[in-house]
C-alpha atoms as a PDB file:
ATOM      1  CA  MET A   1     -23.676 -25.814   3.872  1.00  0.00           C
ATOM      2  CA  SER A   2     -22.945 -22.099   3.568  1.00  0.00           C
ATOM      3  CA  GLY A   3     -20.033 -21.404   1.342  1.00  0.00           C
ATOM      4  CA  GLY A   4     -17.828 -18.477   2.081  1.00  0.00           C
ATOM      5  CA  PHE A   5     -14.365 -16.598   1.203  1.00  0.00           C
ATOM      6  CA  LEU A   6     -11.403 -15.360   3.400  1.00  0.00           C
ATOM      7  CA  ALA A   7      -9.840 -12.158   2.631  1.00  0.00           C
ATOM      8  CA  VAL A   8      -6.568 -10.914   4.043  1.00  0.00           C
ATOM      9  CA  ASP A   9      -4.501  -7.847   4.039  1.00  0.00           C
ATOM     10  CA  SER A  10      -0.747  -8.425   5.283  1.00  0.00           C
ATOM     11  CA  GLY A  11       1.381  -5.320   5.587  1.00  0.00           C
ATOM     12  CA  GLY A  12       3.927  -3.599   7.601  1.00  0.00           C
ATOM     13  CA  SER A  13       1.491  -2.848  10.401  1.00  0.00           C
ATOM     14  CA  GLY A  14       0.366  -6.473  10.701  1.00  0.00           C
ATOM     15  CA  LEU A  15      -2.469  -8.746   9.506  1.00  0.00           C
ATOM     16  CA  ARG A  16      -6.311  -8.014   8.843  1.00  0.00           C
ATOM     17  CA  VAL A  17      -8.737 -10.767   8.085  1.00  0.00           C
ATOM     18  CA  VAL A  18     -12.183 -10.767   6.963  1.00  0.00           C
ATOM     19  CA  VAL A  19     -14.503 -14.029   6.413  1.00  0.00           C
ATOM     20  CA  GLY A  20     -17.789 -13.525   4.552  1.00  0.00           C
ATOM     21  CA  ARG A  21     -20.304 -15.570   2.694  1.00  0.00           C
ATOM     22  CA  THR A  22     -20.216 -15.871  -1.008  1.00  0.00           C
ATOM     23  CA  GLY A  23     -22.150 -13.139  -2.686  1.00  0.00           C
ATOM     24  CA  GLY A  24     -22.604 -11.473   0.771  1.00  0.00           C
ATOM     25  CA  GLY A  25     -20.490  -8.241   0.223  1.00  0.00           C
ATOM     26  CA  GLU A  26     -18.219  -6.638   2.848  1.00  0.00           C
ATOM     27  CA  GLY A  27     -17.929  -9.656   4.976  1.00  0.00           C
ATOM     28  CA  LEU A  28     -19.442 -11.012   8.119  1.00  0.00           C
ATOM     29  CA  GLY A  29     -16.531 -10.989  10.686  1.00  0.00           C
ATOM     30  CA  ARG A  30     -13.174  -9.604  11.012  1.00  0.00           C
ATOM     31  CA  ARG A  31      -9.837 -10.182  13.170  1.00  0.00           C
ATOM     32  CA  ASP A  32      -6.750  -8.279  13.340  1.00  0.00           C
ATOM     33  CA  SER A  33      -3.163  -9.025  14.335  1.00  0.00           C
ATOM     34  CA  ARG A  34      -0.460  -6.177  15.072  1.00  0.00           C
ATOM     35  CA  GLU A  35       2.450  -8.576  14.234  1.00  0.00           C
ATOM     36  CA  PRO A  36       3.643  -8.147  10.780  1.00  0.00           C
ATOM     37  CA  VAL A  37       4.568 -11.208   8.898  1.00  0.00           C
ATOM     38  CA  ARG A  38       8.289 -12.131   8.856  1.00  0.00           C
ATOM     39  CA  THR A  39      10.482 -12.019   5.970  1.00  0.00           C
ATOM     40  CA  GLY A  40      13.822 -13.590   5.494  1.00  0.00           C
ATOM     41  CA  GLU A  41      16.352 -15.018   2.882  1.00  0.00           C
ATOM     42  CA  ARG A  42      13.234 -16.830   1.227  1.00  0.00           C
ATOM     43  CA  GLY A  43      11.237 -13.841   1.202  1.00  0.00           C
ATOM     44  CA  ILE A  44       7.857 -13.631   2.803  1.00  0.00           C
ATOM     45  CA  ASP A  45       7.685 -16.424   5.466  1.00  0.00           C
ATOM     46  CA  PRO A  46       4.680 -18.638   4.592  1.00  0.00           C
ATOM     47  CA  GLY A  47       4.954 -20.467   7.748  1.00  0.00           C
ATOM     48  CA  HIS A  48       4.605 -17.502   9.811  1.00  0.00           C
ATOM     49  CA  LEU A  49       1.663 -16.053   7.880  1.00  0.00           C
ATOM     50  CA  MET A  50      -0.258 -19.575   8.337  1.00  0.00           C
ATOM     51  CA  ALA A  51       0.586 -19.493  11.941  1.00  0.00           C
ATOM     52  CA  GLN A  52      -1.144 -16.163  12.403  1.00  0.00           C
ATOM     53  CA  LEU A  53      -3.800 -16.799   9.832  1.00  0.00           C
ATOM     54  CA  LEU A  54      -5.254 -20.040  10.797  1.00  0.00           C
ATOM     55  CA  PRO A  55      -6.474 -19.321  14.412  1.00  0.00           C
ATOM     56  CA  MET A  56      -8.209 -16.165  13.095  1.00  0.00           C
ATOM     57  CA  ALA A  57      -9.790 -17.876  10.052  1.00  0.00           C
ATOM     58  CA  ARG A  58     -11.052 -20.736  12.299  1.00  0.00           C
ATOM     59  CA  ALA A  59     -12.342 -18.510  14.860  1.00  0.00           C
ATOM     60  CA  LEU A  60     -14.158 -16.246  12.226  1.00  0.00           C
ATOM     61  CA  VAL A  61     -15.550 -19.333  10.637  1.00  0.00           C
ATOM     62  CA  ALA A  62     -17.032 -20.477  13.897  1.00  0.00           C
ATOM     63  CA  GLU A  63     -18.529 -17.057  14.611  1.00  0.00           C
ATOM     64  CA  THR A  64     -20.024 -16.228  11.170  1.00  0.00           C
ATOM     65  CA  GLY A  65     -21.513 -19.695  10.281  1.00  0.00           C
ATOM     66  CA  VAL A  66     -19.644 -19.891   7.177  1.00  0.00           C
ATOM     67  CA  GLU A  67     -19.059 -23.814   7.055  1.00  0.00           C
ATOM     68  CA  ARG A  68     -17.082 -24.088   3.963  1.00  0.00           C
ATOM     69  CA  LEU A  69     -14.522 -21.865   2.742  1.00  0.00           C
ATOM     70  CA  THR A  70     -13.974 -21.952  -1.089  1.00  0.00           C
ATOM     71  CA  THR A  71     -12.144 -19.044  -1.756  1.00  0.00           C
ATOM     72  CA  VAL A  72      -8.921 -17.120  -0.275  1.00  0.00           C
ATOM     73  CA  VAL A  73      -7.424 -14.010  -1.188  1.00  0.00           C
ATOM     74  CA  VAL A  74      -4.116 -12.774   0.514  1.00  0.00           C
ATOM     75  CA  GLY A  75      -3.116  -9.287  -0.426  1.00  0.00           C
ATOM     76  CA  ALA A  76       0.594  -9.081   0.764  1.00  0.00           C
ATOM     77  CA  ALA A  77       3.040  -6.255   0.944  1.00  0.00           C
ATOM     78  CA  GLY A  78       6.155  -7.277  -1.024  1.00  0.00           C
ATOM     79  CA  LEU A  79       4.673  -9.894  -2.933  1.00  0.00           C
ATOM     80  CA  ALA A  80       6.224  -8.643  -6.262  1.00  0.00           C
ATOM     81  CA  THR A  81       9.711  -9.203  -5.201  1.00  0.00           C
ATOM     82  CA  LEU A  82       9.651 -11.361  -2.024  1.00  0.00           C
ATOM     83  CA  GLY A  83       6.770 -13.642  -2.959  1.00  0.00           C
ATOM     84  CA  ASP A  84       8.214 -16.828  -4.328  1.00  0.00           C
ATOM     85  CA  ALA A  85       7.925 -18.908  -1.092  1.00  0.00           C
ATOM     86  CA  LEU A  86       4.470 -17.857  -0.815  1.00  0.00           C
ATOM     87  CA  ARG A  87       3.531 -18.824  -4.347  1.00  0.00           C
ATOM     88  CA  ALA A  88       5.205 -22.179  -3.679  1.00  0.00           C
ATOM     89  CA  GLU A  89       3.852 -23.337  -0.282  1.00  0.00           C
ATOM     90  CA  LEU A  90       0.752 -21.282   0.536  1.00  0.00           C
ATOM     91  CA  PRO A  91      -2.046 -22.591  -1.711  1.00  0.00           C
ATOM     92  CA  GLY A  92      -1.139 -26.158  -0.704  1.00  0.00           C
ATOM     93  CA  ALA A  93      -1.118 -25.339   2.966  1.00  0.00           C
ATOM     94  CA  LEU A  94      -4.541 -23.553   2.646  1.00  0.00           C
ATOM     95  CA  ALA A  95      -6.040 -26.319   0.989  1.00  0.00           C
ATOM     96  CA  ARG A  96      -4.741 -28.832   3.477  1.00  0.00           C
ATOM     97  CA  GLU A  97      -5.833 -26.796   6.438  1.00  0.00           C
ATOM     98  CA  LEU A  98      -8.983 -25.054   5.023  1.00  0.00           C
ATOM     99  CA  GLY A  99     -10.085 -27.138   2.223  1.00  0.00           C
ATOM    100  CA  VAL A 100     -10.373 -24.091  -0.103  1.00  0.00           C
ATOM    101  CA  ARG A 101     -10.439 -24.436  -3.876  1.00  0.00           C
ATOM    102  CA  THR A 102      -9.136 -21.106  -5.088  1.00  0.00           C
ATOM    103  CA  VAL A 103      -6.293 -18.878  -3.786  1.00  0.00           C
ATOM    104  CA  ALA A 104      -5.246 -15.631  -5.070  1.00  0.00           C
ATOM    105  CA  LEU A 105      -1.980 -14.009  -4.099  1.00  0.00           C
ATOM    106  CA  VAL A 106      -2.004 -10.468  -4.691  1.00  0.00           C
ATOM    107  CA  ALA A 107       0.546  -7.594  -4.536  1.00  0.00           C
ATOM    108  CA  ASP A 108      -0.612  -4.779  -1.657  1.00  0.00           C
ATOM    109  CA  ALA A 109      -0.396  -2.216  -4.561  1.00  0.00           C
ATOM    110  CA  VAL A 110      -3.083  -4.222  -6.521  1.00  0.00           C
ATOM    111  CA  THR A 111      -5.431  -4.556  -3.338  1.00  0.00           C
ATOM    112  CA  ALA A 112      -4.922  -0.774  -2.815  1.00  0.00           C
ATOM    113  CA  TYR A 113      -5.922  -0.280  -6.428  1.00  0.00           C
ATOM    114  CA  VAL A 114      -9.120  -2.475  -6.143  1.00  0.00           C
ATOM    115  CA  GLY A 115     -10.121  -0.943  -2.799  1.00  0.00           C
ATOM    116  CA  ALA A 116      -9.802   2.660  -4.233  1.00  0.00           C
ATOM    117  CA  LEU A 117     -11.304   2.240  -7.798  1.00  0.00           C
ATOM    118  CA  GLY A 118     -12.768  -1.401  -8.020  1.00  0.00           C
ATOM    119  CA  PRO A 119     -12.503  -3.186 -11.529  1.00  0.00           C
ATOM    120  CA  ARG A 120     -12.155   0.110 -13.490  1.00  0.00           C
ATOM    121  CA  ALA A 121      -9.524   1.280 -15.830  1.00  0.00           C
ATOM    122  CA  GLY A 122      -7.195   4.028 -14.330  1.00  0.00           C
ATOM    123  CA  ALA A 123      -4.238   4.739 -11.773  1.00  0.00           C
ATOM    124  CA  VAL A 124      -3.889   4.727  -8.175  1.00  0.00           C
ATOM    125  CA  VAL A 125      -1.143   6.255  -6.078  1.00  0.00           C
ATOM    126  CA  ALA A 126      -0.505   4.714  -2.722  1.00  0.00           C
ATOM    127  CA  ALA A 127       1.297   7.137  -0.623  1.00  0.00           C
ATOM    128  CA  GLY A 128       2.328   6.569   2.961  1.00  0.00           C
ATOM    129  CA  THR A 129       5.892   6.092   4.225  1.00  0.00           C
ATOM    130  CA  GLY A 130       6.813   5.003   0.701  1.00  0.00           C
ATOM    131  CA  LEU A 131       5.158   5.459  -2.714  1.00  0.00           C
ATOM    132  CA  ILE A 132       3.694   3.426  -5.426  1.00  0.00           C
ATOM    133  CA  ALA A 133       1.579   4.066  -8.383  1.00  0.00           C
ATOM    134  CA  THR A 134      -0.574   1.090  -9.927  1.00  0.00           C
ATOM    135  CA  GLY A 135      -2.462   1.381 -13.230  1.00  0.00           C
ATOM    136  CA  THR A 136      -4.396  -0.816 -15.508  1.00  0.00           C
ATOM    137  CA  ASP A 137      -6.410  -0.804 -18.854  1.00  0.00           C
ATOM    138  CA  LEU A 138      -8.108  -4.080 -17.648  1.00  0.00           C
ATOM    139  CA  THR A 139      -5.738  -6.053 -20.055  1.00  0.00           C
ATOM    140  CA  ARG A 140      -2.379  -5.613 -18.046  1.00  0.00           C
ATOM    141  CA  TRP A 141      -0.947  -4.196 -14.804  1.00  0.00           C
ATOM    142  CA  ARG A 142       1.751  -1.518 -14.757  1.00  0.00           C
ATOM    143  CA  ARG A 143       3.509  -0.132 -11.674  1.00  0.00           C
ATOM    144  CA  ALA A 144       5.685   2.933 -11.061  1.00  0.00           C
ATOM    145  CA  ASP A 145       8.209   3.455  -8.216  1.00  0.00           C
ATOM    146  CA  GLY A 146       7.843   1.611  -5.114  1.00  0.00           C
ATOM    147  CA  TRP A 147      11.762   0.979  -5.055  1.00  0.00           C
ATOM    148  CA  GLY A 148      12.143   2.040  -1.344  1.00  0.00           C
ATOM    149  CA  HIS A 149      13.605   4.843   0.392  1.00  0.00           C
ATOM    150  CA  LEU A 150      17.174   4.586  -0.924  1.00  0.00           C
ATOM    151  CA  LEU A 151      16.246   4.157  -4.702  1.00  0.00           C
ATOM    152  CA  GLY A 152      12.927   5.806  -4.997  1.00  0.00           C
ATOM    153  CA  ASP A 153       9.533   6.188  -3.190  1.00  0.00           C
ATOM    154  CA  CYS A 154       9.721   9.596  -4.680  1.00  0.00           C
ATOM    155  CA  GLY A 155       7.355  12.080  -3.058  1.00  0.00           C
ATOM    156  CA  GLY A 156       6.390   9.494  -0.310  1.00  0.00           C
ATOM    157  CA  GLY A 157       6.590  10.325   3.419  1.00  0.00           C
ATOM    158  CA  ALA A 158      10.089   9.211   3.953  1.00  0.00           C
ATOM    159  CA  TRP A 159      11.140  11.359   0.860  1.00  0.00           C
ATOM    160  CA  ILE A 160       9.445  14.471   2.095  1.00  0.00           C
ATOM    161  CA  GLY A 161      10.940  13.832   5.548  1.00  0.00           C
ATOM    162  CA  ARG A 162      14.423  13.307   4.157  1.00  0.00           C
ATOM    163  CA  ALA A 163      14.150  16.734   2.025  1.00  0.00           C
ATOM    164  CA  GLY A 164      13.024  18.564   5.144  1.00  0.00           C
ATOM    165  CA  LEU A 165      15.914  17.269   7.085  1.00  0.00           C
ATOM    166  CA  GLU A 166      18.410  18.045   4.432  1.00  0.00           C
ATOM    167  CA  ALA A 167      16.970  21.578   4.316  1.00  0.00           C
ATOM    168  CA  ALA A 168      17.336  21.832   7.999  1.00  0.00           C
ATOM    169  CA  LEU A 169      20.952  20.680   7.813  1.00  0.00           C
ATOM    170  CA  ARG A 170      21.625  23.135   5.238  1.00  0.00           C
ATOM    171  CA  ALA A 171      20.569  25.872   7.426  1.00  0.00           C
ATOM    172  CA  HIS A 172      22.637  24.466  10.258  1.00  0.00           C
ATOM    173  CA  ASP A 173      25.775  24.706   7.936  1.00  0.00           C
ATOM    174  CA  GLY A 174      24.736  28.025   6.444  1.00  0.00           C
ATOM    175  CA  ARG A 175      24.377  26.611   3.097  1.00  0.00           C
ATOM    176  CA  GLN A 176      22.054  27.939   0.373  1.00  0.00           C
ATOM    177  CA  GLY A 177      18.666  26.255   0.166  1.00  0.00           C
ATOM    178  CA  GLY A 178      18.337  25.880   4.147  1.00  0.00           C
ATOM    179  CA  SER A 179      15.408  26.426   6.257  1.00  0.00           C
ATOM    180  CA  THR A 180      15.681  27.954   9.417  1.00  0.00           C
ATOM    181  CA  PRO A 181      11.977  26.926  10.522  1.00  0.00           C
ATOM    182  CA  LEU A 182      12.731  23.284   9.678  1.00  0.00           C
ATOM    183  CA  LEU A 183      15.982  23.566  11.672  1.00  0.00           C
ATOM    184  CA  ALA A 184      13.975  24.480  14.816  1.00  0.00           C
ATOM    185  CA  ARG A 185      11.478  21.663  14.362  1.00  0.00           C
ATOM    186  CA  ALA A 186      14.296  19.193  13.519  1.00  0.00           C
ATOM    187  CA  GLU A 187      16.319  20.092  16.732  1.00  0.00           C
ATOM    188  CA  GLU A 188      13.036  19.952  18.718  1.00  0.00           C
ATOM    189  CA  ARG A 189      12.356  16.460  17.307  1.00  0.00           C
ATOM    190  CA  PHE A 190      15.712  14.925  17.256  1.00  0.00           C
ATOM    191  CA  GLY A 191      18.109  17.006  19.272  1.00  0.00           C
ATOM    192  CA  PRO A 192      21.398  18.855  18.045  1.00  0.00           C
ATOM    193  CA  MET A 193      21.864  18.314  14.295  1.00  0.00           C
ATOM    194  CA  ALA A 194      25.373  17.320  14.717  1.00  0.00           C
ATOM    195  CA  GLY A 195      23.960  14.265  16.424  1.00  0.00           C
ATOM    196  CA  LEU A 196      21.241  13.270  13.624  1.00  0.00           C
ATOM    197  CA  PRO A 197      23.453  10.978  11.580  1.00  0.00           C
ATOM    198  CA  GLY A 198      24.391   8.861  14.619  1.00  0.00           C
ATOM    199  CA  LEU A 199      20.652   8.736  15.534  1.00  0.00           C
ATOM    200  CA  LEU A 200      19.346   7.702  11.989  1.00  0.00           C
ATOM    201  CA  TYR A 201      21.765   5.587  10.328  1.00  0.00           C
ATOM    202  CA  PRO A 202      22.026   2.596  12.632  1.00  0.00           C
ATOM    203  CA  ARG A 203      18.275   2.072  12.813  1.00  0.00           C
ATOM    204  CA  THR A 204      16.559  -0.432  10.777  1.00  0.00           C
ATOM    205  CA  ASP A 205      13.241   1.675  10.602  1.00  0.00           C
ATOM    206  CA  ARG A 206      14.829   4.454   8.857  1.00  0.00           C
ATOM    207  CA  PRO A 207      11.909   5.038   6.472  1.00  0.00           C
ATOM    208  CA  ALA A 208       9.727   5.535   9.239  1.00  0.00           C
ATOM    209  CA  VAL A 209      11.957   7.986  11.155  1.00  0.00           C
ATOM    210  CA  LEU A 210      12.402   9.808   7.942  1.00  0.00           C
ATOM    211  CA  ALA A 211       8.506   9.930   7.349  1.00  0.00           C
ATOM    212  CA  SER A 212       7.845  11.000  11.069  1.00  0.00           C
ATOM    213  CA  PHE A 213       9.241  14.498  10.056  1.00  0.00           C
ATOM    214  CA  ALA A 214       7.035  14.890   6.994  1.00  0.00           C
ATOM    215  CA  PRO A 215       4.225  16.400   9.000  1.00  0.00           C
ATOM    216  CA  ASP A 216       6.635  19.114  10.177  1.00  0.00           C
ATOM    217  CA  VAL A 217       7.488  20.143   6.599  1.00  0.00           C
ATOM    218  CA  ALA A 218       3.608  20.261   5.896  1.00  0.00           C
ATOM    219  CA  ALA A 219       3.236  22.613   9.220  1.00  0.00           C
ATOM    220  CA  CYS A 220       6.039  24.968   8.018  1.00  0.00           C
ATOM    221  CA  ALA A 221       4.853  25.106   4.304  1.00  0.00           C
ATOM    222  CA  ALA A 222       2.494  28.065   4.810  1.00  0.00           C
ATOM    223  CA  ASP A 223       5.295  30.475   5.879  1.00  0.00           C
ATOM    224  CA  ASP A 224       8.404  28.912   4.639  1.00  0.00           C
ATOM    225  CA  PRO A 225       9.135  28.718   0.957  1.00  0.00           C
ATOM    226  CA  VAL A 226      11.674  25.985   1.317  1.00  0.00           C
ATOM    227  CA  ALA A 227       9.097  23.601   2.984  1.00  0.00           C
ATOM    228  CA  ALA A 228       6.349  24.677   0.418  1.00  0.00           C
ATOM    229  CA  GLY A 229       8.727  23.805  -2.381  1.00  0.00           C
ATOM    230  CA  ILE A 230       9.410  20.351  -0.921  1.00  0.00           C
ATOM    231  CA  LEU A 231       5.730  19.467  -1.062  1.00  0.00           C
ATOM    232  CA  ARG A 232       5.372  21.136  -4.614  1.00  0.00           C
ATOM    233  CA  THR A 233       8.064  18.626  -5.786  1.00  0.00           C
ATOM    234  CA  ALA A 234       6.642  15.719  -3.784  1.00  0.00           C
ATOM    235  CA  ALA A 235       3.513  16.420  -5.596  1.00  0.00           C
ATOM    236  CA  ARG A 236       5.069  16.517  -9.138  1.00  0.00           C
ATOM    237  CA  HIS A 237       6.728  13.258  -8.338  1.00  0.00           C
ATOM    238  CA  MET A 238       3.229  11.695  -7.403  1.00  0.00           C
ATOM    239  CA  ALA A 239       1.670  12.933 -10.555  1.00  0.00           C
ATOM    240  CA  ASP A 240       4.695  11.552 -12.738  1.00  0.00           C
ATOM    241  CA  SER A 241       4.192   8.096 -11.137  1.00  0.00           C
ATOM    242  CA  ALA A 242       0.530   8.245 -11.739  1.00  0.00           C
ATOM    243  CA  ALA A 243       1.052   9.326 -15.412  1.00  0.00           C
ATOM    244  CA  ALA A 244       3.445   6.465 -15.901  1.00  0.00           C
ATOM    245  CA  VAL A 245       0.851   3.998 -15.145  1.00  0.00           C
ATOM    246  CA  CYS A 246      -2.468   5.665 -16.319  1.00  0.00           C
ATOM    247  CA  PRO A 247      -4.040   4.281 -19.400  1.00  0.00           C
ATOM    248  CA  PRO A 248      -3.581   7.004 -22.154  1.00  0.00           C
ATOM    249  CA  GLY A 249      -7.079   6.770 -23.764  1.00  0.00           C
ATOM    250  CA  GLY A 250     -10.691   6.847 -22.718  1.00  0.00           C
ATOM    251  CA  GLU A 251     -11.416   8.549 -19.343  1.00  0.00           C
ATOM    252  CA  PRO A 252      -9.519   6.639 -16.758  1.00  0.00           C
ATOM    253  CA  ARG A 253     -10.070   7.325 -13.094  1.00  0.00           C
ATOM    254  CA  VAL A 254      -7.195   8.539 -10.713  1.00  0.00           C
ATOM    255  CA  ALA A 255      -7.194   8.179  -7.062  1.00  0.00           C
ATOM    256  CA  VAL A 256      -4.755   8.796  -4.216  1.00  0.00           C
ATOM    257  CA  THR A 257      -4.604   6.708  -0.904  1.00  0.00           C
ATOM    258  CA  GLY A 258      -2.576   6.416   2.081  1.00  0.00           C
ATOM    259  CA  GLY A 259      -1.690   8.095   5.235  1.00  0.00           C
ATOM    260  CA  LEU A 260       0.088  10.994   3.488  1.00  0.00           C
ATOM    261  CA  LEU A 261      -3.248  12.503   2.621  1.00  0.00           C
ATOM    262  CA  LYS A 262      -3.510  13.399   6.317  1.00  0.00           C
ATOM    263  CA  MET A 263      -1.139  16.204   5.569  1.00  0.00           C
ATOM    264  CA  GLY A 264      -4.050  18.210   4.268  1.00  0.00           C
ATOM    265  CA  ASP A 265      -3.999  21.231   2.047  1.00  0.00           C
ATOM    266  CA  PRO A 266      -0.174  21.830   2.112  1.00  0.00           C
ATOM    267  CA  LEU A 267       0.128  18.635  -0.172  1.00  0.00           C
ATOM    268  CA  ALA A 268      -3.312  18.182  -1.563  1.00  0.00           C
ATOM    269  CA  VAL A 269      -3.519  21.496  -3.269  1.00  0.00           C
ATOM    270  CA  PRO A 270      -0.226  21.328  -5.325  1.00  0.00           C
ATOM    271  CA  LEU A 271      -1.162  17.494  -5.795  1.00  0.00           C
ATOM    272  CA  GLU A 272      -4.326  18.310  -7.526  1.00  0.00           C
ATOM    273  CA  GLU A 273      -2.571  21.038  -9.586  1.00  0.00           C
ATOM    274  CA  ALA A 274       0.170  18.530 -10.701  1.00  0.00           C
ATOM    275  CA  LEU A 275      -2.515  15.745 -11.478  1.00  0.00           C
ATOM    276  CA  ALA A 276      -4.553  18.097 -13.638  1.00  0.00           C
ATOM    277  CA  LYS A 277      -1.415  19.231 -15.558  1.00  0.00           C
ATOM    278  CA  ARG A 278       0.099  15.791 -16.088  1.00  0.00           C
ATOM    279  CA  LEU A 279      -3.263  13.701 -16.643  1.00  0.00           C
ATOM    280  CA  PRO A 280      -5.930  16.180 -18.140  1.00  0.00           C
ATOM    281  CA  HIS A 281      -7.797  13.423 -19.718  1.00  0.00           C
ATOM    282  CA  ALA A 282      -8.251  11.387 -16.389  1.00  0.00           C
ATOM    283  CA  ARG A 283     -11.120  11.661 -14.037  1.00  0.00           C
ATOM    284  CA  ARG A 284      -9.891  12.655 -10.400  1.00  0.00           C
ATOM    285  CA  THR A 285     -11.991  10.559  -7.958  1.00  0.00           C
ATOM    286  CA  ALA A 286     -11.789   9.948  -3.949  1.00  0.00           C
ATOM    287  CA  ALA A 287     -10.809   6.351  -3.033  1.00  0.00           C
ATOM    288  CA  GLU A 288     -13.563   4.086  -2.173  1.00  0.00           C
ATOM    289  CA  GLY A 289     -11.795   2.062   0.344  1.00  0.00           C
ATOM    290  CA  ASP A 290      -8.591   0.592   1.707  1.00  0.00           C
ATOM    291  CA  PRO A 291      -6.429  -2.474   0.644  1.00  0.00           C
ATOM    292  CA  LEU A 292      -8.411  -4.812   2.842  1.00  0.00           C
ATOM    293  CA  ARG A 293     -11.612  -3.631   0.956  1.00  0.00           C
ATOM    294  CA  GLY A 294      -9.877  -4.571  -2.120  1.00  0.00           C
ATOM    295  CA  SER A 295      -9.203  -8.185  -0.834  1.00  0.00           C
ATOM    296  CA  VAL A 296     -12.659  -8.463  -0.075  1.00  0.00           C
ATOM    297  CA  ARG A 297     -13.856  -7.261  -3.615  1.00  0.00           C
ATOM    298  CA  ILE A 298     -11.402  -9.693  -5.177  1.00  0.00           C
ATOM    299  CA  ALA A 299     -12.562 -12.494  -2.979  1.00  0.00           C
ATOM    300  CA  THR A 300     -16.190 -12.027  -3.747  1.00  0.00           C
ATOM    301  CA  ASP A 301     -15.474 -11.666  -7.522  1.00  0.00           C
ATOM    302  CA  LEU A 302     -13.457 -14.765  -7.536  1.00  0.00           C
ATOM    303  CA  ALA A 303     -16.219 -16.792  -5.574  1.00  0.00           C
ATOM    304  CA  THR A 304     -18.728 -15.692  -7.900  1.00  0.00           C
ATOM    305  CA  GLY A 305     -17.012 -16.115 -11.089  1.00  0.00           C
ATOM    306  CA  SER A 306     -17.104 -12.275 -12.001  1.00  0.00           C
ATOM    307  CA  LEU A 307     -13.412 -11.245 -11.629  1.00  0.00           C
ATOM    308  CA  THR A 308     -12.535  -9.079 -14.795  1.00  0.00           C
ATOM    309  CA  LEU A 309      -9.115  -7.915 -13.404  1.00  0.00           C
ATOM    310  CA  PRO A 310      -6.035  -9.010 -15.595  1.00  0.00           C
ATOM    311  CA  GLY A 311      -3.904 -11.774 -14.038  1.00  0.00           C
ATOM    312  CA  ASP A 312      -0.175 -11.356 -13.667  1.00  0.00           C
ATOM    313  CA  ASP A 313       2.420 -13.841 -12.032  1.00  0.00           C
ATOM    314  CA  ARG A 314       3.833 -11.084  -9.741  1.00  0.00           C
ATOM    315  CA  MET A 315       0.780  -8.894  -9.056  1.00  0.00           C
ATOM    316  CA  LEU A 316      -2.487 -10.883  -9.215  1.00  0.00           C
ATOM    317  CA  TRP A 317      -1.975 -14.912  -9.336  1.00  0.00           C
ATOM    318  CA  VAL A 318      -4.852 -17.094  -9.007  1.00  0.00           C
ATOM    319  CA  THR A 319      -4.419 -20.886  -8.518  1.00  0.00           C
ATOM    320  CA  ALA A 320      -7.189 -23.658  -8.490  1.00  0.00           C
ATOM    321  CA  LEU A 321      -6.753 -26.560  -6.157  1.00  0.00           C
ATOM    322  CA  PRO A 322      -7.686 -30.051  -6.413  1.00  0.00           C
ATOM    323  CA  GLY A 323      -9.407 -31.763  -3.530  1.00  0.00           C
ATOM    324  CA  GLY A 324     -11.070 -28.896  -1.685  1.00  0.00           C
ATOM    325  CA  ARG A 325     -13.843 -29.920   0.486  1.00  0.00           C
END
């Protein structure tokens, strides 16, 4: 029989699943779902995750010829704070339905870290709509920010977009610190500024709406000192979060991942300057891959007994199951 692993990346854009053969590297087959796993009063819904995961897993097993799944790694957004039901129910369900022997539940910040740097000491800033930094010295995990758009995510896409809209509203009111170019772009995107609160506040996807304005801030930065200042401040926030989690000794590696990098030089240049100032001992490196790659790496290392990353009840939780096939 050919043993294999199942690696999962569950996030705000849906579910991505890879099946591979133990020791076989990147995986043999992949399935994607655009439906995000639901959250409710109990946190992340294990039943909804299983309802999506099982058909994809069984189809991939049939396609790839992997007859016996031994290891499953589920990387999940919100696991650290919303993962109690997953930890209680998912391992048993996977053992019953797929006969697996080992299950790891991993915070998406950790899969992003491993995808970017692999099992090395360092820090990774995951910057998209939100922002979180994760670091390890290979004895324990540390995290900074990731507290959501109301309490944190400083320097992320929603933070940049909100700061840009604030500057637009300042210009609309005639207050100091306003930006006429950002006001023009905000009105083009959202309509008259007087109507912006009514458009924004009732929406459940406010972080995404705010982040949608971040590219406009970047587009104005070359000619608008207010927009450029917003991006410099965002870069400092990102570097501060990286410094909070990066090991202080040795030569740790630092990488930045996420969709915010698509903004290009208006953010990348001040970010490089801020990282060099805050972390002069660290080696800046490009991310090797994404969170799904991180799930695959953890799964292959678990399956071969070579995992060197530290365990953590909230960040990287591994359980061995009795009675696997």
